[in-house]
mmCIF file of all heavy atoms, coordinates in Angstrom:
data_MODEL
# 
_entry.id   MODEL 
# 
loop_
_atom_site.group_PDB 
_atom_site.id 
_atom_site.type_symbol 
_atom_site.label_atom_id 
_atom_site.label_alt_id 
_atom_site.label_comp_id 
_atom_site.label_asym_id 
_atom_site.label_entity_id 
_atom_site.label_seq_id 
_atom_site.pdbx_PDB_ins_code 
_atom_site.Cartn_x 
_atom_site.Cartn_y 
_atom_site.Cartn_z 
_atom_site.occupancy 
_atom_site.B_iso_or_equiv 
_atom_site.pdbx_formal_charge 
_atom_site.auth_seq_id 
_atom_site.auth_comp_id 
_atom_site.auth_asym_id 
_atom_site.auth_atom_id 
_atom_site.pdbx_PDB_model_num 
ATOM 1   N N   . LEU A 1 1  ? 14.591 -7.018  -10.618 1.00 0.00 ? 1  LEU A N   1 
ATOM 2   C CA  . LEU A 1 1  ? 13.190 -7.299  -10.921 1.00 0.00 ? 1  LEU A CA  1 
ATOM 3   C C   . LEU A 1 1  ? 12.633 -8.356  -9.977  1.00 0.00 ? 1  LEU A C   1 
ATOM 4   O O   . LEU A 1 1  ? 11.480 -8.279  -9.537  1.00 0.00 ? 1  LEU A O   1 
ATOM 5   C CB  . LEU A 1 1  ? 13.034 -7.752  -12.374 1.00 0.00 ? 1  LEU A CB  1 
ATOM 6   C CG  . LEU A 1 1  ? 13.304 -6.704  -13.459 1.00 0.00 ? 1  LEU A CG  1 
ATOM 7   C CD1 . LEU A 1 1  ? 13.120 -7.317  -14.849 1.00 0.00 ? 1  LEU A CD1 1 
ATOM 8   C CD2 . LEU A 1 1  ? 12.414 -5.485  -13.293 1.00 0.00 ? 1  LEU A CD2 1 
ATOM 9   N N   . SER A 1 2  ? 13.462 -9.332  -9.629  1.00 0.00 ? 2  SER A N   1 
ATOM 10  C CA  . SER A 1 2  ? 13.019 -10.380 -8.698  1.00 0.00 ? 2  SER A CA  1 
ATOM 11  C C   . SER A 1 2  ? 12.765 -9.820  -7.306  1.00 0.00 ? 2  SER A C   1 
ATOM 12  O O   . SER A 1 2  ? 11.990 -10.388 -6.535  1.00 0.00 ? 2  SER A O   1 
ATOM 13  C CB  . SER A 1 2  ? 14.061 -11.507 -8.617  1.00 0.00 ? 2  SER A CB  1 
ATOM 14  O OG  . SER A 1 2  ? 15.208 -11.102 -7.861  1.00 0.00 ? 2  SER A OG  1 
ATOM 15  N N   . ARG A 1 3  ? 13.402 -8.693  -6.992  1.00 0.00 ? 3  ARG A N   1 
ATOM 16  C CA  . ARG A 1 3  ? 13.208 -8.019  -5.702  1.00 0.00 ? 3  ARG A CA  1 
ATOM 17  C C   . ARG A 1 3  ? 12.100 -6.957  -5.765  1.00 0.00 ? 3  ARG A C   1 
ATOM 18  O O   . ARG A 1 3  ? 11.885 -6.243  -4.800  1.00 0.00 ? 3  ARG A O   1 
ATOM 19  C CB  . ARG A 1 3  ? 14.509 -7.362  -5.252  1.00 0.00 ? 3  ARG A CB  1 
ATOM 20  C CG  . ARG A 1 3  ? 15.650 -8.318  -4.885  1.00 0.00 ? 3  ARG A CG  1 
ATOM 21  C CD  . ARG A 1 3  ? 15.426 -8.961  -3.522  1.00 0.00 ? 3  ARG A CD  1 
ATOM 22  N NE  . ARG A 1 3  ? 16.572 -9.736  -3.082  1.00 0.00 ? 3  ARG A NE  1 
ATOM 23  C CZ  . ARG A 1 3  ? 17.486 -9.311  -2.190  1.00 0.00 ? 3  ARG A CZ  1 
ATOM 24  N NH1 . ARG A 1 3  ? 17.389 -8.101  -1.669  1.00 0.00 ? 3  ARG A NH1 1 
ATOM 25  N NH2 . ARG A 1 3  ? 18.488 -10.094 -1.837  1.00 0.00 ? 3  ARG A NH2 1 
ATOM 26  N N   . GLY A 1 4  ? 11.422 -6.847  -6.905  1.00 0.00 ? 4  GLY A N   1 
ATOM 27  C CA  . GLY A 1 4  ? 10.287 -5.948  -6.991  1.00 0.00 ? 4  GLY A CA  1 
ATOM 28  C C   . GLY A 1 4  ? 10.582 -4.544  -7.472  1.00 0.00 ? 4  GLY A C   1 
ATOM 29  O O   . GLY A 1 4  ? 9.754  -3.638  -7.275  1.00 0.00 ? 4  GLY A O   1 
ATOM 30  N N   . ALA A 1 5  ? 11.729 -4.318  -8.113  1.00 0.00 ? 5  ALA A N   1 
ATOM 31  C CA  . ALA A 1 5  ? 12.047 -2.974  -8.602  1.00 0.00 ? 5  ALA A CA  1 
ATOM 32  C C   . ALA A 1 5  ? 11.001 -2.504  -9.598  1.00 0.00 ? 5  ALA A C   1 
ATOM 33  O O   . ALA A 1 5  ? 10.587 -3.246  -10.483 1.00 0.00 ? 5  ALA A O   1 
ATOM 34  C CB  . ALA A 1 5  ? 13.430 -2.957  -9.244  1.00 0.00 ? 5  ALA A CB  1 
ATOM 35  N N   . LYS A 1 6  ? 10.598 -1.238  -9.447  1.00 0.00 ? 6  LYS A N   1 
ATOM 36  C CA  . LYS A 1 6  ? 9.601  -0.642  -10.340 1.00 0.00 ? 6  LYS A CA  1 
ATOM 37  C C   . LYS A 1 6  ? 10.219 0.341   -11.322 1.00 0.00 ? 6  LYS A C   1 
ATOM 38  O O   . LYS A 1 6  ? 9.541  0.816   -12.235 1.00 0.00 ? 6  LYS A O   1 
ATOM 39  C CB  . LYS A 1 6  ? 8.523  0.066   -9.513  1.00 0.00 ? 6  LYS A CB  1 
ATOM 40  C CG  . LYS A 1 6  ? 7.702  -0.855  -8.628  1.00 0.00 ? 6  LYS A CG  1 
ATOM 41  C CD  . LYS A 1 6  ? 6.934  -1.885  -9.456  1.00 0.00 ? 6  LYS A CD  1 
ATOM 42  C CE  . LYS A 1 6  ? 5.940  -2.672  -8.612  1.00 0.00 ? 6  LYS A CE  1 
ATOM 43  N NZ  . LYS A 1 6  ? 6.589  -3.516  -7.590  1.00 0.00 ? 6  LYS A NZ  1 
ATOM 44  N N   . LEU A 1 7  ? 11.486 0.687   -11.136 1.00 0.00 ? 7  LEU A N   1 
ATOM 45  C CA  . LEU A 1 7  ? 12.243 1.493   -12.082 1.00 0.00 ? 7  LEU A CA  1 
ATOM 46  C C   . LEU A 1 7  ? 13.719 1.263   -11.810 1.00 0.00 ? 7  LEU A C   1 
ATOM 47  O O   . LEU A 1 7  ? 14.093 0.753   -10.747 1.00 0.00 ? 7  LEU A O   1 
ATOM 48  C CB  . LEU A 1 7  ? 11.897 2.983   -11.985 1.00 0.00 ? 7  LEU A CB  1 
ATOM 49  C CG  . LEU A 1 7  ? 12.252 3.784   -10.746 1.00 0.00 ? 7  LEU A CG  1 
ATOM 50  C CD1 . LEU A 1 7  ? 12.205 5.277   -11.047 1.00 0.00 ? 7  LEU A CD1 1 
ATOM 51  C CD2 . LEU A 1 7  ? 11.271 3.508   -9.617  1.00 0.00 ? 7  LEU A CD2 1 
ATOM 52  N N   . VAL A 1 8  ? 14.573 1.613   -12.783 1.00 0.00 ? 8  VAL A N   1 
ATOM 53  C CA  . VAL A 1 8  ? 16.015 1.455   -12.624 1.00 0.00 ? 8  VAL A CA  1 
ATOM 54  C C   . VAL A 1 8  ? 16.704 2.721   -13.114 1.00 0.00 ? 8  VAL A C   1 
ATOM 55  O O   . VAL A 1 8  ? 16.188 3.443   -13.968 1.00 0.00 ? 8  VAL A O   1 
ATOM 56  C CB  . VAL A 1 8  ? 16.564 0.230   -13.395 1.00 0.00 ? 8  VAL A CB  1 
ATOM 57  C CG1 . VAL A 1 8  ? 15.904 -1.059  -12.921 1.00 0.00 ? 8  VAL A CG1 1 
ATOM 58  C CG2 . VAL A 1 8  ? 16.403 0.404   -14.899 1.00 0.00 ? 8  VAL A CG2 1 
ATOM 59  N N   . CYS A 1 9  ? 17.880 2.977   -12.555 1.00 0.00 ? 9  CYS A N   1 
ATOM 60  C CA  . CYS A 1 9  ? 18.719 4.087   -12.997 1.00 0.00 ? 9  CYS A CA  1 
ATOM 61  C C   . CYS A 1 9  ? 19.810 3.573   -13.919 1.00 0.00 ? 9  CYS A C   1 
ATOM 62  O O   . CYS A 1 9  ? 20.502 2.597   -13.592 1.00 0.00 ? 9  CYS A O   1 
ATOM 63  C CB  . CYS A 1 9  ? 19.398 4.758   -11.795 1.00 0.00 ? 9  CYS A CB  1 
ATOM 64  S SG  . CYS A 1 9  ? 18.535 6.168   -11.135 1.00 0.00 ? 9  CYS A SG  1 
ATOM 65  N N   . VAL A 1 10 ? 19.974 4.221   -15.060 1.00 0.00 ? 10 VAL A N   1 
ATOM 66  C CA  . VAL A 1 10 ? 21.105 3.985   -15.945 1.00 0.00 ? 10 VAL A CA  1 
ATOM 67  C C   . VAL A 1 10 ? 21.788 5.328   -16.164 1.00 0.00 ? 10 VAL A C   1 
ATOM 68  O O   . VAL A 1 10 ? 21.111 6.344   -16.377 1.00 0.00 ? 10 VAL A O   1 
ATOM 69  C CB  . VAL A 1 10 ? 20.656 3.376   -17.290 1.00 0.00 ? 10 VAL A CB  1 
ATOM 70  C CG1 . VAL A 1 10 ? 21.819 3.292   -18.271 1.00 0.00 ? 10 VAL A CG1 1 
ATOM 71  C CG2 . VAL A 1 10 ? 20.047 1.985   -17.073 1.00 0.00 ? 10 VAL A CG2 1 
ATOM 72  N N   . ARG A 1 11 ? 23.104 5.345   -16.102 1.00 0.00 ? 11 ARG A N   1 
ATOM 73  C CA  . ARG A 1 11 ? 23.833 6.612   -16.239 1.00 0.00 ? 11 ARG A CA  1 
ATOM 74  C C   . ARG A 1 11 ? 23.674 7.177   -17.647 1.00 0.00 ? 11 ARG A C   1 
ATOM 75  O O   . ARG A 1 11 ? 23.839 6.455   -18.633 1.00 0.00 ? 11 ARG A O   1 
ATOM 76  C CB  . ARG A 1 11 ? 25.314 6.368   -15.928 1.00 0.00 ? 11 ARG A CB  1 
ATOM 77  C CG  . ARG A 1 11 ? 26.147 7.642   -15.842 1.00 0.00 ? 11 ARG A CG  1 
ATOM 78  C CD  . ARG A 1 11 ? 27.544 7.331   -15.351 1.00 0.00 ? 11 ARG A CD  1 
ATOM 79  N NE  . ARG A 1 11 ? 28.313 6.530   -16.288 1.00 0.00 ? 11 ARG A NE  1 
ATOM 80  C CZ  . ARG A 1 11 ? 29.513 6.841   -16.767 1.00 0.00 ? 11 ARG A CZ  1 
ATOM 81  N NH1 . ARG A 1 11 ? 30.098 7.965   -16.393 1.00 0.00 ? 11 ARG A NH1 1 
ATOM 82  N NH2 . ARG A 1 11 ? 30.144 6.033   -17.593 1.00 0.00 ? 11 ARG A NH2 1 
ATOM 83  N N   . PRO A 1 12 ? 23.348 8.461   -17.773 1.00 0.00 ? 12 PRO A N   1 
ATOM 84  C CA  . PRO A 1 12 ? 23.258 9.086   -19.098 1.00 0.00 ? 12 PRO A CA  1 
ATOM 85  C C   . PRO A 1 12 ? 24.657 9.379   -19.637 1.00 0.00 ? 12 PRO A C   1 
ATOM 86  O O   . PRO A 1 12 ? 25.188 10.487  -19.506 1.00 0.00 ? 12 PRO A O   1 
ATOM 87  C CB  . PRO A 1 12 ? 22.468 10.375  -18.825 1.00 0.00 ? 12 PRO A CB  1 
ATOM 88  C CG  . PRO A 1 12 ? 22.798 10.724  -17.412 1.00 0.00 ? 12 PRO A CG  1 
ATOM 89  C CD  . PRO A 1 12 ? 22.999 9.406   -16.707 1.00 0.00 ? 12 PRO A CD  1 
ATOM 90  N N   . ALA A 1 13 ? 25.251 8.382   -20.258 1.00 0.00 ? 13 ALA A N   1 
ATOM 91  C CA  . ALA A 1 13 ? 26.657 8.484   -20.656 1.00 0.00 ? 13 ALA A CA  1 
ATOM 92  C C   . ALA A 1 13 ? 26.992 7.360   -21.619 1.00 0.00 ? 13 ALA A C   1 
ATOM 93  O O   . ALA A 1 13 ? 26.297 6.335   -21.669 1.00 0.00 ? 13 ALA A O   1 
ATOM 94  C CB  . ALA A 1 13 ? 27.553 8.381   -19.415 1.00 0.00 ? 13 ALA A CB  1 
ATOM 95  N N   . PRO A 1 14 ? 28.071 7.512   -22.372 1.00 0.00 ? 14 PRO A N   1 
ATOM 96  C CA  . PRO A 1 14 ? 28.579 6.367   -23.130 1.00 0.00 ? 14 PRO A CA  1 
ATOM 97  C C   . PRO A 1 14 ? 28.877 5.206   -22.186 1.00 0.00 ? 14 PRO A C   1 
ATOM 98  O O   . PRO A 1 14 ? 29.270 5.416   -21.034 1.00 0.00 ? 14 PRO A O   1 
ATOM 99  C CB  . PRO A 1 14 ? 29.864 6.915   -23.771 1.00 0.00 ? 14 PRO A CB  1 
ATOM 100 C CG  . PRO A 1 14 ? 29.698 8.396   -23.774 1.00 0.00 ? 14 PRO A CG  1 
ATOM 101 C CD  . PRO A 1 14 ? 28.892 8.722   -22.557 1.00 0.00 ? 14 PRO A CD  1 
ATOM 102 N N   . VAL A 1 15 ? 28.687 4.004   -22.654 1.00 0.00 ? 15 VAL A N   1 
ATOM 103 C CA  . VAL A 1 15 ? 28.898 2.819   -21.816 1.00 0.00 ? 15 VAL A CA  1 
ATOM 104 C C   . VAL A 1 15 ? 30.373 2.452   -21.815 1.00 0.00 ? 15 VAL A C   1 
ATOM 105 O O   . VAL A 1 15 ? 30.967 2.265   -22.884 1.00 0.00 ? 15 VAL A O   1 
ATOM 106 C CB  . VAL A 1 15 ? 28.059 1.639   -22.338 1.00 0.00 ? 15 VAL A CB  1 
ATOM 107 C CG1 . VAL A 1 15 ? 28.286 0.407   -21.465 1.00 0.00 ? 15 VAL A CG1 1 
ATOM 108 C CG2 . VAL A 1 15 ? 26.579 2.016   -22.384 1.00 0.00 ? 15 VAL A CG2 1 
ATOM 109 N N   . PRO A 1 16 ? 31.004 2.335   -20.637 1.00 0.00 ? 16 PRO A N   1 
ATOM 110 C CA  . PRO A 1 16 ? 32.415 1.945   -20.610 1.00 0.00 ? 16 PRO A CA  1 
ATOM 111 C C   . PRO A 1 16 ? 32.621 0.566   -21.233 1.00 0.00 ? 16 PRO A C   1 
ATOM 112 O O   . PRO A 1 16 ? 31.792 -0.333  -21.075 1.00 0.00 ? 16 PRO A O   1 
ATOM 113 C CB  . PRO A 1 16 ? 32.740 1.909   -19.112 1.00 0.00 ? 16 PRO A CB  1 
ATOM 114 C CG  . PRO A 1 16 ? 31.701 2.768   -18.462 1.00 0.00 ? 16 PRO A CG  1 
ATOM 115 C CD  . PRO A 1 16 ? 30.467 2.591   -19.294 1.00 0.00 ? 16 PRO A CD  1 
ATOM 116 N N   . GLY A 1 17 ? 33.711 0.416   -21.947 1.00 0.00 ? 17 GLY A N   1 
ATOM 117 C CA  . GLY A 1 17 ? 34.034 -0.870  -22.560 1.00 0.00 ? 17 GLY A CA  1 
ATOM 118 C C   . GLY A 1 17 ? 35.499 -1.212  -22.358 1.00 0.00 ? 17 GLY A C   1 
ATOM 119 O O   . GLY A 1 17 ? 36.311 -0.341  -22.025 1.00 0.00 ? 17 GLY A O   1 
ATOM 120 N N   . LEU A 1 18 ? 35.847 -2.472  -22.561 1.00 0.00 ? 18 LEU A N   1 
ATOM 121 C CA  . LEU A 1 18 ? 37.234 -2.901  -22.386 1.00 0.00 ? 18 LEU A CA  1 
ATOM 122 C C   . LEU A 1 18 ? 38.148 -2.266  -23.428 1.00 0.00 ? 18 LEU A C   1 
ATOM 123 O O   . LEU A 1 18 ? 39.302 -1.926  -23.136 1.00 0.00 ? 18 LEU A O   1 
ATOM 124 C CB  . LEU A 1 18 ? 37.324 -4.425  -22.474 1.00 0.00 ? 18 LEU A CB  1 
ATOM 125 C CG  . LEU A 1 18 ? 36.719 -5.215  -21.307 1.00 0.00 ? 18 LEU A CG  1 
ATOM 126 C CD1 . LEU A 1 18 ? 36.737 -6.705  -21.617 1.00 0.00 ? 18 LEU A CD1 1 
ATOM 127 C CD2 . LEU A 1 18 ? 37.479 -4.926  -20.013 1.00 0.00 ? 18 LEU A CD2 1 
ATOM 128 N N   . VAL A 1 19 ? 37.646 -2.106  -24.644 1.00 0.00 ? 19 VAL A N   1 
ATOM 129 C CA  . VAL A 1 19 ? 38.458 -1.545  -25.725 1.00 0.00 ? 19 VAL A CA  1 
ATOM 130 C C   . VAL A 1 19 ? 38.106 -0.085  -25.963 1.00 0.00 ? 19 VAL A C   1 
ATOM 131 O O   . VAL A 1 19 ? 38.975 0.782   -26.029 1.00 0.00 ? 19 VAL A O   1 
ATOM 132 C CB  . VAL A 1 19 ? 38.286 -2.364  -27.018 1.00 0.00 ? 19 VAL A CB  1 
ATOM 133 C CG1 . VAL A 1 19 ? 39.097 -1.746  -28.155 1.00 0.00 ? 19 VAL A CG1 1 
ATOM 134 C CG2 . VAL A 1 19 ? 38.698 -3.817  -26.784 1.00 0.00 ? 19 VAL A CG2 1 
ATOM 135 N N   . ARG A 1 20 ? 36.817 0.207   -26.082 1.00 0.00 ? 20 ARG A N   1 
ATOM 136 C CA  . ARG A 1 20 ? 36.350 1.568   -26.297 1.00 0.00 ? 20 ARG A CA  1 
ATOM 137 C C   . ARG A 1 20 ? 34.918 1.678   -25.781 1.00 0.00 ? 20 ARG A C   1 
ATOM 138 O O   . ARG A 1 20 ? 34.231 0.660   -25.615 1.00 0.00 ? 20 ARG A O   1 
ATOM 139 C CB  . ARG A 1 20 ? 36.410 1.942   -27.779 1.00 0.00 ? 20 ARG A CB  1 
ATOM 140 C CG  . ARG A 1 20 ? 35.532 1.093   -28.675 1.00 0.00 ? 20 ARG A CG  1 
ATOM 141 C CD  . ARG A 1 20 ? 35.674 1.502   -30.125 1.00 0.00 ? 20 ARG A CD  1 
ATOM 142 N NE  . ARG A 1 20 ? 34.795 0.690   -30.986 1.00 0.00 ? 20 ARG A NE  1 
ATOM 143 C CZ  . ARG A 1 20 ? 34.733 0.815   -32.289 1.00 0.00 ? 20 ARG A CZ  1 
ATOM 144 N NH1 . ARG A 1 20 ? 35.502 1.710   -32.910 1.00 0.00 ? 20 ARG A NH1 1 
ATOM 145 N NH2 . ARG A 1 20 ? 33.917 0.057   -32.994 1.00 0.00 ? 20 ARG A NH2 1 
ATOM 146 N N   . PRO A 1 21 ? 34.438 2.880   -25.538 1.00 0.00 ? 21 PRO A N   1 
ATOM 147 C CA  . PRO A 1 21 ? 33.054 3.040   -25.072 1.00 0.00 ? 21 PRO A CA  1 
ATOM 148 C C   . PRO A 1 21 ? 32.056 2.629   -26.145 1.00 0.00 ? 21 PRO A C   1 
ATOM 149 O O   . PRO A 1 21 ? 32.385 2.531   -27.336 1.00 0.00 ? 21 PRO A O   1 
ATOM 150 C CB  . PRO A 1 21 ? 32.952 4.542   -24.772 1.00 0.00 ? 21 PRO A CB  1 
ATOM 151 C CG  . PRO A 1 21 ? 34.348 5.041   -24.692 1.00 0.00 ? 21 PRO A CG  1 
ATOM 152 C CD  . PRO A 1 21 ? 35.165 4.168   -25.590 1.00 0.00 ? 21 PRO A CD  1 
ATOM 153 N N   . ARG A 1 22 ? 30.827 2.380   -25.700 1.00 0.00 ? 22 ARG A N   1 
ATOM 154 C CA  . ARG A 1 22 ? 29.756 1.981   -26.611 1.00 0.00 ? 22 ARG A CA  1 
ATOM 155 C C   . ARG A 1 22 ? 28.568 2.932   -26.475 1.00 0.00 ? 22 ARG A C   1 
ATOM 156 O O   . ARG A 1 22 ? 28.350 3.550   -25.422 1.00 0.00 ? 22 ARG A O   1 
ATOM 157 C CB  . ARG A 1 22 ? 29.265 0.558   -26.295 1.00 0.00 ? 22 ARG A CB  1 
ATOM 158 C CG  . ARG A 1 22 ? 30.286 -0.531  -26.463 1.00 0.00 ? 22 ARG A CG  1 
ATOM 159 C CD  . ARG A 1 22 ? 29.642 -1.903  -26.273 1.00 0.00 ? 22 ARG A CD  1 
ATOM 160 N NE  . ARG A 1 22 ? 29.062 -2.079  -24.948 1.00 0.00 ? 22 ARG A NE  1 
ATOM 161 C CZ  . ARG A 1 22 ? 29.737 -2.500  -23.880 1.00 0.00 ? 22 ARG A CZ  1 
ATOM 162 N NH1 . ARG A 1 22 ? 31.033 -2.773  -23.975 1.00 0.00 ? 22 ARG A NH1 1 
ATOM 163 N NH2 . ARG A 1 22 ? 29.132 -2.646  -22.727 1.00 0.00 ? 22 ARG A NH2 1 
ATOM 164 N N   . SER A 1 23 ? 27.776 2.995   -27.516 1.00 0.00 ? 23 SER A N   1 
ATOM 165 C CA  . SER A 1 23 ? 26.499 3.701   -27.463 1.00 0.00 ? 23 SER A CA  1 
ATOM 166 C C   . SER A 1 23 ? 25.513 2.908   -26.615 1.00 0.00 ? 23 SER A C   1 
ATOM 167 O O   . SER A 1 23 ? 25.531 1.665   -26.591 1.00 0.00 ? 23 SER A O   1 
ATOM 168 C CB  . SER A 1 23 ? 25.938 3.873   -28.874 1.00 0.00 ? 23 SER A CB  1 
ATOM 169 O OG  . SER A 1 23 ? 24.580 4.264   -28.842 1.00 0.00 ? 23 SER A OG  1 
ATOM 170 N N   . LEU A 1 24 ? 24.624 3.615   -25.947 1.00 0.00 ? 24 LEU A N   1 
ATOM 171 C CA  . LEU A 1 24 ? 23.529 2.945   -25.256 1.00 0.00 ? 24 LEU A CA  1 
ATOM 172 C C   . LEU A 1 24 ? 22.662 2.173   -26.242 1.00 0.00 ? 24 LEU A C   1 
ATOM 173 O O   . LEU A 1 24 ? 21.982 1.215   -25.872 1.00 0.00 ? 24 LEU A O   1 
ATOM 174 C CB  . LEU A 1 24 ? 22.675 3.971   -24.509 1.00 0.00 ? 24 LEU A CB  1 
ATOM 175 C CG  . LEU A 1 24 ? 23.316 4.589   -23.264 1.00 0.00 ? 24 LEU A CG  1 
ATOM 176 C CD1 . LEU A 1 24 ? 22.625 5.895   -22.898 1.00 0.00 ? 24 LEU A CD1 1 
ATOM 177 C CD2 . LEU A 1 24 ? 23.251 3.613   -22.092 1.00 0.00 ? 24 LEU A CD2 1 
# 
């Protein structure tokens, strides 16, 4: 955001976790 981003990409997937994946 400090560099002026107007959109971001997030992977459409469960979020990797150290123990188990997480919901978005």
